[in-house]
Amino acid sequence: MMREEDELIRRRQRDRARVMAILLGLFVVLMFAITIAKMTVNQ
């Protein structure tokens, strides 16, 4: 029983880690796009 619960917990942790990685990647892309947009407006 504990083994199944441990696997379920690990799977949830992996899923949460994937979601956080995707959100962090999107945030980085957003910051990059904003920086490029600001640079092109100033020229």
PDB file of N, CA and C in Angstrom:
ATOM      1  N   MET A   1       0.825  -1.203   0.000  1.00  0.00           N
ATOM      2  CA  MET A   1       0.000   0.000   0.000  1.00  0.00           C
ATOM      3  C   MET A   1       0.863   1.258   0.000  1.00  0.00           C
ATOM      4  N   MET A   2       1.908   1.271   0.823  1.00  0.00           N
ATOM      5  CA  MET A   2       2.769   2.450   0.885  1.00  0.00           C
ATOM      6  C   MET A   2       3.480   2.695  -0.436  1.00  0.00           C
ATOM      7  N   ARG A   3       3.849   1.626  -1.104  1.00  0.00           N
ATOM      8  CA  ARG A   3       4.559   1.767  -2.375  1.00  0.00           C
ATOM      9  C   ARG A   3       3.679   2.463  -3.410  1.00  0.00           C
ATOM     10  N   GLU A   4       2.410   2.096  -3.476  1.00  0.00           N
ATOM     11  CA  GLU A   4       1.495   2.727  -4.420  1.00  0.00           C
ATOM     12  C   GLU A   4       1.298   4.200  -4.076  1.00  0.00           C
ATOM     13  N   GLU A   5       1.194   4.496  -2.786  1.00  0.00           N
ATOM     14  CA  GLU A   5       1.041   5.891  -2.362  1.00  0.00           C
ATOM     15  C   GLU A   5       2.285   6.698  -2.685  1.00  0.00           C
ATOM     16  N   ASP A   6       3.466   6.092  -2.483  1.00  0.00           N
ATOM     17  CA  ASP A   6       4.722   6.771  -2.809  1.00  0.00           C
ATOM     18  C   ASP A   6       4.814   7.079  -4.297  1.00  0.00           C
ATOM     19  N   GLU A   7       4.403   6.123  -5.123  1.00  0.00           N
ATOM     20  CA  GLU A   7       4.437   6.341  -6.568  1.00  0.00           C
ATOM     21  C   GLU A   7       3.481   7.454  -6.971  1.00  0.00           C
ATOM     22  N   LEU A   8       2.317   7.495  -6.338  1.00  0.00           N
ATOM     23  CA  LEU A   8       1.343   8.542  -6.631  1.00  0.00           C
ATOM     24  C   LEU A   8       1.900   9.910  -6.246  1.00  0.00           C
ATOM     25  N   ILE A   9       2.533   9.981  -5.089  1.00  0.00           N
ATOM     26  CA  ILE A   9       3.133  11.246  -4.632  1.00  0.00           C
ATOM     27  C   ILE A   9       4.249  11.677  -5.577  1.00  0.00           C
ATOM     28  N   ARG A  10       5.106  10.734  -5.967  1.00  0.00           N
ATOM     29  CA  ARG A  10       6.205  11.058  -6.889  1.00  0.00           C
ATOM     30  C   ARG A  10       5.668  11.543  -8.229  1.00  0.00           C
ATOM     31  N   ARG A  11       4.603  10.905  -8.734  1.00  0.00           N
ATOM     32  CA  ARG A  11       4.028  11.318 -10.011  1.00  0.00           C
ATOM     33  C   ARG A  11       3.472  12.736  -9.917  1.00  0.00           C
ATOM     34  N   ARG A  12       2.804  13.039  -8.802  1.00  0.00           N
ATOM     35  CA  ARG A  12       2.284  14.397  -8.617  1.00  0.00           C
ATOM     36  C   ARG A  12       3.418  15.414  -8.531  1.00  0.00           C
ATOM     37  N   GLN A  13       4.502  15.040  -7.862  1.00  0.00           N
ATOM     38  CA  GLN A  13       5.649  15.954  -7.758  1.00  0.00           C
ATOM     39  C   GLN A  13       6.270  16.199  -9.130  1.00  0.00           C
ATOM     40  N   ARG A  14       6.390  15.142  -9.940  1.00  0.00           N
ATOM     41  CA  ARG A  14       6.933  15.302 -11.297  1.00  0.00           C
ATOM     42  C   ARG A  14       6.034  16.177 -12.147  1.00  0.00           C
ATOM     43  N   ASP A  15       4.725  15.957 -12.051  1.00  0.00           N
ATOM     44  CA  ASP A  15       3.788  16.776 -12.824  1.00  0.00           C
ATOM     45  C   ASP A  15       3.882  18.240 -12.402  1.00  0.00           C
ATOM     46  N   ARG A  16       3.973  18.483 -11.104  1.00  0.00           N
ATOM     47  CA  ARG A  16       4.080  19.854 -10.606  1.00  0.00           C
ATOM     48  C   ARG A  16       5.393  20.483 -11.053  1.00  0.00           C
ATOM     49  N   ALA A  17       6.458  19.704 -11.056  1.00  0.00           N
ATOM     50  CA  ALA A  17       7.758  20.219 -11.493  1.00  0.00           C
ATOM     51  C   ALA A  17       7.717  20.579 -12.977  1.00  0.00           C
ATOM     52  N   ARG A  18       7.048  19.752 -13.781  1.00  0.00           N
ATOM     53  CA  ARG A  18       6.927  20.058 -15.209  1.00  0.00           C
ATOM     54  C   ARG A  18       6.154  21.344 -15.428  1.00  0.00           C
ATOM     55  N   VAL A  19       5.063  21.510 -14.703  1.00  0.00           N
ATOM     56  CA  VAL A  19       4.259  22.724 -14.849  1.00  0.00           C
ATOM     57  C   VAL A  19       5.081  23.945 -14.466  1.00  0.00           C
ATOM     58  N   MET A  20       5.834  23.863 -13.370  1.00  0.00           N
ATOM     59  CA  MET A  20       6.660  24.993 -12.938  1.00  0.00           C
ATOM     60  C   MET A  20       7.750  25.290 -13.956  1.00  0.00           C
ATOM     61  N   ALA A  21       8.332  24.263 -14.552  1.00  0.00           N
ATOM     62  CA  ALA A  21       9.363  24.471 -15.574  1.00  0.00           C
ATOM     63  C   ALA A  21       8.773  25.160 -16.800  1.00  0.00           C
ATOM     64  N   ILE A  22       7.589  24.742 -17.198  1.00  0.00           N
ATOM     65  CA  ILE A  22       6.936  25.375 -18.359  1.00  0.00           C
ATOM     66  C   ILE A  22       6.613  26.830 -18.056  1.00  0.00           C
ATOM     67  N   LEU A  23       6.070  27.091 -16.861  1.00  0.00           N
ATOM     68  CA  LEU A  23       5.742  28.474 -16.495  1.00  0.00           C
ATOM     69  C   LEU A  23       6.990  29.350 -16.431  1.00  0.00           C
ATOM     70  N   LEU A  24       8.075  28.806 -15.883  1.00  0.00           N
ATOM     71  CA  LEU A  24       9.323  29.558 -15.817  1.00  0.00           C
ATOM     72  C   LEU A  24       9.851  29.853 -17.216  1.00  0.00           C
ATOM     73  N   GLY A  25       9.775  28.870 -18.108  1.00  0.00           N
ATOM     74  CA  GLY A  25      10.210  29.069 -19.487  1.00  0.00           C
ATOM     75  C   GLY A  25       9.379  30.131 -20.191  1.00  0.00           C
ATOM     76  N   LEU A  26       8.062  30.107 -19.977  1.00  0.00           N
ATOM     77  CA  LEU A  26       7.197  31.124 -20.579  1.00  0.00           C
ATOM     78  C   LEU A  26       7.513  32.508 -20.031  1.00  0.00           C
ATOM     79  N   PHE A  27       7.828  32.587 -18.745  1.00  0.00           N
ATOM     80  CA  PHE A  27       8.186  33.867 -18.138  1.00  0.00           C
ATOM     81  C   PHE A  27       9.463  34.426 -18.758  1.00  0.00           C
ATOM     82  N   VAL A  28      10.446  33.556 -18.969  1.00  0.00           N
ATOM     83  CA  VAL A  28      11.706  33.982 -19.582  1.00  0.00           C
ATOM     84  C   VAL A  28      11.467  34.477 -21.005  1.00  0.00           C
ATOM     85  N   VAL A  29      10.650  33.751 -21.766  1.00  0.00           N
ATOM     86  CA  VAL A  29      10.343  34.167 -23.136  1.00  0.00           C
ATOM     87  C   VAL A  29       9.615  35.510 -23.122  1.00  0.00           C
ATOM     88  N   LEU A  30       8.689  35.686 -22.189  1.00  0.00           N
ATOM     89  CA  LEU A  30       7.957  36.951 -22.079  1.00  0.00           C
ATOM     90  C   LEU A  30       8.904  38.109 -21.778  1.00  0.00           C
ATOM     91  N   MET A  31       9.819  37.915 -20.829  1.00  0.00           N
ATOM     92  CA  MET A  31      10.783  38.975 -20.497  1.00  0.00           C
ATOM     93  C   MET A  31      11.670  39.301 -21.701  1.00  0.00           C
ATOM     94  N   PHE A  32      12.092  38.268 -22.437  1.00  0.00           N
ATOM     95  CA  PHE A  32      12.912  38.474 -23.623  1.00  0.00           C
ATOM     96  C   PHE A  32      12.143  39.284 -24.663  1.00  0.00           C
ATOM     97  N   ALA A  33      10.888  38.929 -24.891  1.00  0.00           N
ATOM     98  CA  ALA A  33      10.072  39.635 -25.885  1.00  0.00           C
ATOM     99  C   ALA A  33       9.855  41.093 -25.480  1.00  0.00           C
ATOM    100  N   ILE A  34       9.619  41.335 -24.202  1.00  0.00           N
ATOM    101  CA  ILE A  34       9.424  42.712 -23.728  1.00  0.00           C
ATOM    102  C   ILE A  34      10.700  43.518 -23.921  1.00  0.00           C
ATOM    103  N   THR A  35      11.833  42.900 -23.620  1.00  0.00           N
ATOM    104  CA  THR A  35      13.121  43.600 -23.785  1.00  0.00           C
ATOM    105  C   THR A  35      13.358  43.942 -25.248  1.00  0.00           C
ATOM    106  N   ILE A  36      13.118  43.014 -26.143  1.00  0.00           N
ATOM    107  CA  ILE A  36      13.299  43.276 -27.585  1.00  0.00           C
ATOM    108  C   ILE A  36      12.341  44.372 -28.034  1.00  0.00           C
ATOM    109  N   ALA A  37      11.099  44.326 -27.569  1.00  0.00           N
ATOM    110  CA  ALA A  37      10.119  45.337 -27.963  1.00  0.00           C
ATOM    111  C   ALA A  37      10.545  46.731 -27.479  1.00  0.00           C
ATOM    112  N   LYS A  38      11.060  46.812 -26.267  1.00  0.00           N
ATOM    113  CA  LYS A  38      11.513  48.107 -25.751  1.00  0.00           C
ATOM    114  C   LYS A  38      12.713  48.625 -26.543  1.00  0.00           C
ATOM    115  N   MET A  39      13.607  47.720 -26.935  1.00  0.00           N
ATOM    116  CA  MET A  39      14.781  48.147 -27.703  1.00  0.00           C
ATOM    117  C   MET A  39      14.375  48.663 -29.074  1.00  0.00           C
ATOM    118  N   THR A  40      13.404  48.051 -29.714  1.00  0.00           N
ATOM    119  CA  THR A  40      13.006  48.477 -31.038  1.00  0.00           C
ATOM    120  C   THR A  40      12.221  49.794 -30.993  1.00  0.00           C
ATOM    121  N   VAL A  41      11.505  50.063 -29.906  1.00  0.00           N
ATOM    122  CA  VAL A  41      10.755  51.306 -29.781  1.00  0.00           C
ATOM    123  C   VAL A  41      11.717  52.493 -29.601  1.00  0.00           C
ATOM    124  N   ASN A  42      12.800  52.295 -28.896  1.00  0.00           N
ATOM    125  CA  ASN A  42      13.744  53.383 -28.602  1.00  0.00           C
ATOM    126  C   ASN A  42      14.588  53.767 -29.799  1.00  0.00           C
ATOM    127  N   GLN A  43      14.641  52.957 -30.810  1.00  0.00           N
ATOM    128  CA  GLN A  43      15.510  53.270 -31.957  1.00  0.00           C
ATOM    129  C   GLN A  43      14.845  54.190 -32.947  1.00  0.00           C
TER     130      GLN A  43
END
